[in-house]
């Protein structure tokens, strides 16, 4: 049986993606992606060129110049309204980039089924205003991605959707539900032959690669669920 796993650690700044093609539960190919926000071009019209990482594909998205946030608001001094319009635009264009990568790899007729894994965000019980804004933006981004998956692929009756919590992924991957980014990378290197998958992993800054590592952890969690037959098919209403 041929299966495809697409896992996404969503972020406006740097979304990490892992795409694993399986044949009889053996990985034939693993691809890594970073979807990066070009803040410099959006703010200063200087095109951002990320430092390349071996075995990691980069996809840069930008805010549109034909739609300005200030054109959408009535009162430019209303910070909340401005922030919400900006977040909406960013979610639209970030999700568009992610959808292109999904569609490039998800040739639904080539697989017996496809597993999509997207982290389940939990609203914080405490935290400042900025933390709540960040989570609400990610929920919006995730909604656009889920809508695309359901609309484009659910009719095939071949897709599965996993939405594990961050603590569940960390417990599975690093044996610690509160594992920080460095511990997740350490587990990637020591337990999953990470230096073979990403040869320069030990030379990279944590911030440049942690989203990719987290997406890989989600892919491994999905694979574990797959081989243990714990995944349920989405039913189309």
C-alpha atoms as a PDB file:
ATOM      1  CA  UNK A   1       0.000   0.000   0.000  1.00  0.00           C
ATOM      2  CA  UNK A   2       1.147   3.505  -0.799  1.00  0.00           C
ATOM      3  CA  UNK A   3       0.592   6.274   1.731  1.00  0.00           C
ATOM      4  CA  UNK A   4       1.495   9.948   1.953  1.00  0.00           C
ATOM      5  CA  UNK A   5       2.037  11.907   5.173  1.00  0.00           C
ATOM      6  CA  UNK A   6       1.918  15.717   5.093  1.00  0.00           C
ATOM      7  CA  UNK A   7       2.623  17.375   8.433  1.00  0.00           C
ATOM      8  CA  UNK A   8       2.654  21.104   9.115  1.00  0.00           C
ATOM      9  CA  UNK A   9       3.959  23.169  12.023  1.00  0.00           C
ATOM     10  CA  UNK A  10       2.145  26.386  11.199  1.00  0.00           C
ATOM     11  CA  UNK A  11       3.629  29.818  11.773  1.00  0.00           C
ATOM     12  CA  UNK A  12       3.390  33.139   9.963  1.00  0.00           C
ATOM     13  CA  UNK A  13       7.133  33.696  10.246  1.00  0.00           C
ATOM     14  CA  UNK A  14       8.292  30.179   9.318  1.00  0.00           C
ATOM     15  CA  UNK A  15       5.998  27.211   8.711  1.00  0.00           C
ATOM     16  CA  UNK A  16       7.784  23.860   8.757  1.00  0.00           C
ATOM     17  CA  UNK A  17       6.507  21.032   6.573  1.00  0.00           C
ATOM     18  CA  UNK A  18       7.498  17.383   6.248  1.00  0.00           C
ATOM     19  CA  UNK A  19       6.218  15.249   3.377  1.00  0.00           C
ATOM     20  CA  UNK A  20       6.845  11.504   3.566  1.00  0.00           C
ATOM     21  CA  UNK A  21       5.994   9.060   0.789  1.00  0.00           C
ATOM     22  CA  UNK A  22       5.543   5.496   2.038  1.00  0.00           C
ATOM     23  CA  UNK A  23       5.356   2.144   0.299  1.00  0.00           C
ATOM     24  CA  UNK A  24       4.191  -0.688   2.574  1.00  0.00           C
ATOM     25  CA  UNK A  25       5.005   1.548   5.553  1.00  0.00           C
ATOM     26  CA  UNK A  26       8.603   2.059   4.407  1.00  0.00           C
ATOM     27  CA  UNK A  27       9.671   5.641   3.641  1.00  0.00           C
ATOM     28  CA  UNK A  28      10.638   6.007  -0.012  1.00  0.00           C
ATOM     29  CA  UNK A  29      11.151   9.767   0.128  1.00  0.00           C
ATOM     30  CA  UNK A  30      11.110  12.507   2.771  1.00  0.00           C
ATOM     31  CA  UNK A  31      10.940  16.185   1.784  1.00  0.00           C
ATOM     32  CA  UNK A  32      11.301  19.207   4.061  1.00  0.00           C
ATOM     33  CA  UNK A  33       9.958  22.714   3.483  1.00  0.00           C
ATOM     34  CA  UNK A  34      10.097  26.106   5.138  1.00  0.00           C
ATOM     35  CA  UNK A  35       7.422  28.642   4.203  1.00  0.00           C
ATOM     36  CA  UNK A  36       8.999  31.980   5.143  1.00  0.00           C
ATOM     37  CA  UNK A  37       7.543  35.467   5.414  1.00  0.00           C
ATOM     38  CA  UNK A  38       9.427  38.164   3.497  1.00  0.00           C
ATOM     39  CA  UNK A  39       9.036  40.936   6.053  1.00  0.00           C
ATOM     40  CA  UNK A  40      11.783  43.056   4.517  1.00  0.00           C
ATOM     41  CA  UNK A  41      10.121  43.318   1.107  1.00  0.00           C
ATOM     42  CA  UNK A  42       6.746  43.936   2.682  1.00  0.00           C
ATOM     43  CA  UNK A  43       8.147  46.788   4.808  1.00  0.00           C
ATOM     44  CA  UNK A  44      11.168  48.159   2.966  1.00  0.00           C
ATOM     45  CA  UNK A  45      10.874  46.808  -0.603  1.00  0.00           C
ATOM     46  CA  UNK A  46      14.125  44.862  -0.179  1.00  0.00           C
ATOM     47  CA  UNK A  47      13.666  41.281  -1.289  1.00  0.00           C
ATOM     48  CA  UNK A  48      14.447  38.719   1.394  1.00  0.00           C
ATOM     49  CA  UNK A  49      16.687  35.820   0.448  1.00  0.00           C
ATOM     50  CA  UNK A  50      16.835  33.179   3.200  1.00  0.00           C
ATOM     51  CA  UNK A  51      20.050  31.324   3.891  1.00  0.00           C
ATOM     52  CA  UNK A  52      19.616  27.932   2.274  1.00  0.00           C
ATOM     53  CA  UNK A  53      19.718  24.710   4.275  1.00  0.00           C
ATOM     54  CA  UNK A  54      20.741  21.474   2.595  1.00  0.00           C
ATOM     55  CA  UNK A  55      17.771  19.134   2.037  1.00  0.00           C
ATOM     56  CA  UNK A  56      15.263  21.852   3.019  1.00  0.00           C
ATOM     57  CA  UNK A  57      13.192  23.601   0.334  1.00  0.00           C
ATOM     58  CA  UNK A  58      12.317  27.255   0.912  1.00  0.00           C
ATOM     59  CA  UNK A  59       9.115  28.953  -0.241  1.00  0.00           C
ATOM     60  CA  UNK A  60       8.916  32.695   0.450  1.00  0.00           C
ATOM     61  CA  UNK A  61       5.574  34.515   0.635  1.00  0.00           C
ATOM     62  CA  UNK A  62       4.954  38.239   0.745  1.00  0.00           C
ATOM     63  CA  UNK A  63       2.197  40.647   1.603  1.00  0.00           C
ATOM     64  CA  UNK A  64       0.428  41.944  -1.527  1.00  0.00           C
ATOM     65  CA  UNK A  65       1.135  45.435  -2.790  1.00  0.00           C
ATOM     66  CA  UNK A  66      -2.228  45.732  -4.525  1.00  0.00           C
ATOM     67  CA  UNK A  67      -4.108  45.442  -1.212  1.00  0.00           C
ATOM     68  CA  UNK A  68      -3.034  47.785   1.587  1.00  0.00           C
ATOM     69  CA  UNK A  69      -4.166  47.353   5.166  1.00  0.00           C
ATOM     70  CA  UNK A  70      -4.914  51.066   5.466  1.00  0.00           C
ATOM     71  CA  UNK A  71      -7.284  50.791   2.518  1.00  0.00           C
ATOM     72  CA  UNK A  72      -9.372  48.274   4.470  1.00  0.00           C
ATOM     73  CA  UNK A  73      -9.845  50.187   7.704  1.00  0.00           C
ATOM     74  CA  UNK A  74     -11.947  53.238   8.477  1.00  0.00           C
ATOM     75  CA  UNK A  75      -9.798  54.525  11.333  1.00  0.00           C
ATOM     76  CA  UNK A  76      -6.046  54.019  10.882  1.00  0.00           C
ATOM     77  CA  UNK A  77      -5.561  54.767  14.579  1.00  0.00           C
ATOM     78  CA  UNK A  78      -7.700  51.787  15.561  1.00  0.00           C
ATOM     79  CA  UNK A  79      -4.798  49.434  16.316  1.00  0.00           C
ATOM     80  CA  UNK A  80      -6.980  46.381  16.846  1.00  0.00           C
ATOM     81  CA  UNK A  81      -8.772  46.789  13.503  1.00  0.00           C
ATOM     82  CA  UNK A  82      -5.478  47.416  11.684  1.00  0.00           C
ATOM     83  CA  UNK A  83      -3.903  44.344  13.308  1.00  0.00           C
ATOM     84  CA  UNK A  84      -6.875  42.134  12.429  1.00  0.00           C
ATOM     85  CA  UNK A  85      -6.873  43.230   8.782  1.00  0.00           C
ATOM     86  CA  UNK A  86      -3.117  42.658   8.567  1.00  0.00           C
ATOM     87  CA  UNK A  87      -3.444  39.198  10.168  1.00  0.00           C
ATOM     88  CA  UNK A  88      -6.239  38.257   7.758  1.00  0.00           C
ATOM     89  CA  UNK A  89      -4.141  39.209   4.729  1.00  0.00           C
ATOM     90  CA  UNK A  90      -1.120  37.383   6.089  1.00  0.00           C
ATOM     91  CA  UNK A  91      -3.195  34.249   6.759  1.00  0.00           C
ATOM     92  CA  UNK A  92      -4.589  34.324   3.209  1.00  0.00           C
ATOM     93  CA  UNK A  93      -1.203  34.587   1.518  1.00  0.00           C
ATOM     94  CA  UNK A  94       0.654  32.284   3.901  1.00  0.00           C
ATOM     95  CA  UNK A  95      -2.006  29.603   3.441  1.00  0.00           C
ATOM     96  CA  UNK A  96      -1.848  30.083  -0.318  1.00  0.00           C
ATOM     97  CA  UNK A  97       1.858  29.208  -0.291  1.00  0.00           C
ATOM     98  CA  UNK A  98       1.247  26.156   1.905  1.00  0.00           C
ATOM     99  CA  UNK A  99      -1.614  24.989  -0.316  1.00  0.00           C
ATOM    100  CA  UNK A 100       0.657  25.088  -3.370  1.00  0.00           C
ATOM    101  CA  UNK A 101       3.108  22.725  -1.662  1.00  0.00           C
ATOM    102  CA  UNK A 102       0.285  20.408  -0.591  1.00  0.00           C
ATOM    103  CA  UNK A 103      -1.141  20.281  -4.106  1.00  0.00           C
ATOM    104  CA  UNK A 104       2.285  19.661  -5.635  1.00  0.00           C
ATOM    105  CA  UNK A 105       2.716  16.457  -3.631  1.00  0.00           C
ATOM    106  CA  UNK A 106      -0.839  15.292  -3.007  1.00  0.00           C
ATOM    107  CA  UNK A 107      -1.656  13.377  -6.165  1.00  0.00           C
ATOM    108  CA  UNK A 108      -4.549  11.639  -4.517  1.00  0.00           C
ATOM    109  CA  UNK A 109      -4.927   8.842  -7.062  1.00  0.00           C
ATOM    110  CA  UNK A 110      -1.324   7.742  -6.473  1.00  0.00           C
ATOM    111  CA  UNK A 111      -2.007   6.736  -2.866  1.00  0.00           C
ATOM    112  CA  UNK A 112      -4.250   4.428  -0.899  1.00  0.00           C
ATOM    113  CA  UNK A 113      -4.704   7.305   1.523  1.00  0.00           C
ATOM    114  CA  UNK A 114      -3.077  10.518   2.645  1.00  0.00           C
ATOM    115  CA  UNK A 115      -2.539  11.580   6.258  1.00  0.00           C
ATOM    116  CA  UNK A 116      -2.596  15.296   7.050  1.00  0.00           C
ATOM    117  CA  UNK A 117      -1.252  16.285  10.462  1.00  0.00           C
ATOM    118  CA  UNK A 118      -1.840  19.794  11.812  1.00  0.00           C
ATOM    119  CA  UNK A 119      -1.058  20.774  15.379  1.00  0.00           C
ATOM    120  CA  UNK A 120      -4.093  21.426  17.541  1.00  0.00           C
ATOM    121  CA  UNK A 121      -3.665  24.869  19.096  1.00  0.00           C
ATOM    122  CA  UNK A 122      -4.934  25.319  22.642  1.00  0.00           C
ATOM    123  CA  UNK A 123      -5.974  28.785  23.754  1.00  0.00           C
ATOM    124  CA  UNK A 124      -3.705  29.783  26.652  1.00  0.00           C
ATOM    125  CA  UNK A 125      -5.185  30.037  30.130  1.00  0.00           C
ATOM    126  CA  UNK A 126      -2.928  32.993  30.788  1.00  0.00           C
ATOM    127  CA  UNK A 127      -0.741  35.306  28.782  1.00  0.00           C
ATOM    128  CA  UNK A 128      -0.675  38.799  27.455  1.00  0.00           C
ATOM    129  CA  UNK A 129      -2.588  40.466  24.687  1.00  0.00           C
ATOM    130  CA  UNK A 130       0.073  39.657  22.085  1.00  0.00           C
ATOM    131  CA  UNK A 131      -0.020  35.939  22.917  1.00  0.00           C
ATOM    132  CA  UNK A 132      -3.765  35.816  22.379  1.00  0.00           C
ATOM    133  CA  UNK A 133      -3.415  37.673  19.072  1.00  0.00           C
ATOM    134  CA  UNK A 134      -0.758  35.217  17.923  1.00  0.00           C
ATOM    135  CA  UNK A 135      -2.909  32.193  18.710  1.00  0.00           C
ATOM    136  CA  UNK A 136      -6.002  33.705  17.076  1.00  0.00           C
ATOM    137  CA  UNK A 137      -3.988  34.377  13.906  1.00  0.00           C
ATOM    138  CA  UNK A 138      -2.736  30.796  13.801  1.00  0.00           C
ATOM    139  CA  UNK A 139      -6.279  29.502  14.237  1.00  0.00           C
ATOM    140  CA  UNK A 140      -7.304  31.581  11.215  1.00  0.00           C
ATOM    141  CA  UNK A 141      -4.369  30.225   9.191  1.00  0.00           C
ATOM    142  CA  UNK A 142      -5.175  26.671  10.220  1.00  0.00           C
ATOM    143  CA  UNK A 143      -8.803  27.155   9.220  1.00  0.00           C
ATOM    144  CA  UNK A 144      -7.825  28.109   5.672  1.00  0.00           C
ATOM    145  CA  UNK A 145      -5.605  25.010   5.411  1.00  0.00           C
ATOM    146  CA  UNK A 146      -8.256  22.646   6.788  1.00  0.00           C
ATOM    147  CA  UNK A 147     -10.863  24.095   4.421  1.00  0.00           C
ATOM    148  CA  UNK A 148      -8.570  23.453   1.458  1.00  0.00           C
ATOM    149  CA  UNK A 149      -7.862  19.871   2.530  1.00  0.00           C
ATOM    150  CA  UNK A 150     -11.539  19.056   2.982  1.00  0.00           C
ATOM    151  CA  UNK A 151     -12.741  20.789  -0.191  1.00  0.00           C
ATOM    152  CA  UNK A 152     -10.028  19.427  -2.469  1.00  0.00           C
ATOM    153  CA  UNK A 153      -9.466  15.912  -1.171  1.00  0.00           C
ATOM    154  CA  UNK A 154     -12.198  14.644   1.172  1.00  0.00           C
ATOM    155  CA  UNK A 155     -14.457  13.416  -1.662  1.00  0.00           C
ATOM    156  CA  UNK A 156     -11.810  10.857  -2.544  1.00  0.00           C
ATOM    157  CA  UNK A 157     -12.553   9.069   0.758  1.00  0.00           C
ATOM    158  CA  UNK A 158      -8.776   8.619   1.011  1.00  0.00           C
ATOM    159  CA  UNK A 159      -7.718  11.282   3.474  1.00  0.00           C
ATOM    160  CA  UNK A 160      -7.078  11.178   7.198  1.00  0.00           C
ATOM    161  CA  UNK A 161      -6.734  14.187   9.473  1.00  0.00           C
ATOM    162  CA  UNK A 162      -4.765  14.249  12.717  1.00  0.00           C
ATOM    163  CA  UNK A 163      -4.812  17.226  15.089  1.00  0.00           C
ATOM    164  CA  UNK A 164      -2.605  16.266  18.074  1.00  0.00           C
ATOM    165  CA  UNK A 165      -1.807  18.748  20.834  1.00  0.00           C
ATOM    166  CA  UNK A 166       1.745  20.123  21.115  1.00  0.00           C
ATOM    167  CA  UNK A 167       2.295  18.251  24.389  1.00  0.00           C
ATOM    168  CA  UNK A 168       1.282  14.956  22.785  1.00  0.00           C
ATOM    169  CA  UNK A 169       3.798  15.470  19.964  1.00  0.00           C
ATOM    170  CA  UNK A 170       6.544  16.400  22.424  1.00  0.00           C
ATOM    171  CA  UNK A 171       5.806  13.412  24.652  1.00  0.00           C
ATOM    172  CA  UNK A 172       5.948  11.063  21.681  1.00  0.00           C
ATOM    173  CA  UNK A 173       9.051  12.542  20.056  1.00  0.00           C
ATOM    174  CA  UNK A 174      11.185  13.625  23.013  1.00  0.00           C
ATOM    175  CA  UNK A 175       9.562  11.702  25.871  1.00  0.00           C
ATOM    176  CA  UNK A 176       8.759  15.008  27.526  1.00  0.00           C
ATOM    177  CA  UNK A 177       5.457  16.842  27.079  1.00  0.00           C
ATOM    178  CA  UNK A 178       7.165  20.140  27.959  1.00  0.00           C
ATOM    179  CA  UNK A 179      10.230  19.662  25.730  1.00  0.00           C
ATOM    180  CA  UNK A 180      11.730  22.912  24.480  1.00  0.00           C
ATOM    181  CA  UNK A 181      13.029  23.497  20.949  1.00  0.00           C
ATOM    182  CA  UNK A 182      16.586  22.407  21.741  1.00  0.00           C
ATOM    183  CA  UNK A 183      15.390  19.112  23.232  1.00  0.00           C
ATOM    184  CA  UNK A 184      13.263  18.400  20.157  1.00  0.00           C
ATOM    185  CA  UNK A 185      16.292  19.001  17.914  1.00  0.00           C
ATOM    186  CA  UNK A 186      18.427  16.802  20.173  1.00  0.00           C
ATOM    187  CA  UNK A 187      15.919  13.957  19.817  1.00  0.00           C
ATOM    188  CA  UNK A 188      15.822  14.489  16.026  1.00  0.00           C
ATOM    189  CA  UNK A 189      19.594  14.074  15.847  1.00  0.00           C
ATOM    190  CA  UNK A 190      20.013  11.226  18.323  1.00  0.00           C
ATOM    191  CA  UNK A 191      16.890   9.146  17.760  1.00  0.00           C
ATOM    192  CA  UNK A 192      15.988   9.756  14.105  1.00  0.00           C
ATOM    193  CA  UNK A 193      19.347  10.010  12.343  1.00  0.00           C
ATOM    194  CA  UNK A 194      18.801  13.737  11.941  1.00  0.00           C
ATOM    195  CA  UNK A 195      22.303  14.467  10.640  1.00  0.00           C
ATOM    196  CA  UNK A 196      21.640  12.207   7.667  1.00  0.00           C
ATOM    197  CA  UNK A 197      18.327  13.910   6.911  1.00  0.00           C
ATOM    198  CA  UNK A 198      19.645  17.464   7.432  1.00  0.00           C
ATOM    199  CA  UNK A 199      23.466  17.254   7.289  1.00  0.00           C
ATOM    200  CA  UNK A 200      24.127  20.751   8.688  1.00  0.00           C
ATOM    201  CA  UNK A 201      21.666  20.437  11.573  1.00  0.00           C
ATOM    202  CA  UNK A 202      24.299  20.961  14.300  1.00  0.00           C
ATOM    203  CA  UNK A 203      25.579  24.152  12.641  1.00  0.00           C
ATOM    204  CA  UNK A 204      22.172  25.798  12.341  1.00  0.00           C
ATOM    205  CA  UNK A 205      20.516  28.217  14.724  1.00  0.00           C
ATOM    206  CA  UNK A 206      17.547  26.784  16.589  1.00  0.00           C
ATOM    207  CA  UNK A 207      15.187  29.380  15.112  1.00  0.00           C
ATOM    208  CA  UNK A 208      16.166  28.490  11.536  1.00  0.00           C
ATOM    209  CA  UNK A 209      15.258  24.807  11.781  1.00  0.00           C
ATOM    210  CA  UNK A 210      12.992  24.171  14.788  1.00  0.00           C
ATOM    211  CA  UNK A 211       9.752  24.458  12.756  1.00  0.00           C
ATOM    212  CA  UNK A 212      11.012  21.830  10.301  1.00  0.00           C
ATOM    213  CA  UNK A 213      12.019  19.530  13.160  1.00  0.00           C
ATOM    214  CA  UNK A 214       8.607  19.973  14.787  1.00  0.00           C
ATOM    215  CA  UNK A 215       6.896  19.067  11.509  1.00  0.00           C
ATOM    216  CA  UNK A 216       9.087  15.960  11.299  1.00  0.00           C
ATOM    217  CA  UNK A 217       8.041  15.031  14.838  1.00  0.00           C
ATOM    218  CA  UNK A 218       4.419  15.350  13.734  1.00  0.00           C
ATOM    219  CA  UNK A 219       5.133  13.146  10.709  1.00  0.00           C
ATOM    220  CA  UNK A 220       6.654  10.483  12.960  1.00  0.00           C
ATOM    221  CA  UNK A 221       3.636  10.679  15.254  1.00  0.00           C
ATOM    222  CA  UNK A 222       1.383  10.254  12.213  1.00  0.00           C
ATOM    223  CA  UNK A 223       3.426   7.273  11.048  1.00  0.00           C
ATOM    224  CA  UNK A 224       3.080   5.679  14.491  1.00  0.00           C
ATOM    225  CA  UNK A 225      -0.686   6.155  14.368  1.00  0.00           C
ATOM    226  CA  UNK A 226      -0.749   4.797  10.824  1.00  0.00           C
ATOM    227  CA  UNK A 227       1.020   1.522  11.536  1.00  0.00           C
ATOM    228  CA  UNK A 228      -1.065   1.017  14.662  1.00  0.00           C
ATOM    229  CA  UNK A 229      -4.305   1.582  12.698  1.00  0.00           C
ATOM    230  CA  UNK A 230      -5.475   4.383  14.967  1.00  0.00           C
ATOM    231  CA  UNK A 231      -6.406   6.847  12.237  1.00  0.00           C
ATOM    232  CA  UNK A 232     -10.013   7.294  11.218  1.00  0.00           C
ATOM    233  CA  UNK A 233     -11.124   8.380   7.761  1.00  0.00           C
ATOM    234  CA  UNK A 234     -12.894  11.741   7.504  1.00  0.00           C
ATOM    235  CA  UNK A 235     -16.537  11.245   6.654  1.00  0.00           C
ATOM    236  CA  UNK A 236     -17.885  13.725   4.101  1.00  0.00           C
ATOM    237  CA  UNK A 237     -21.173  15.243   5.234  1.00  0.00           C
END
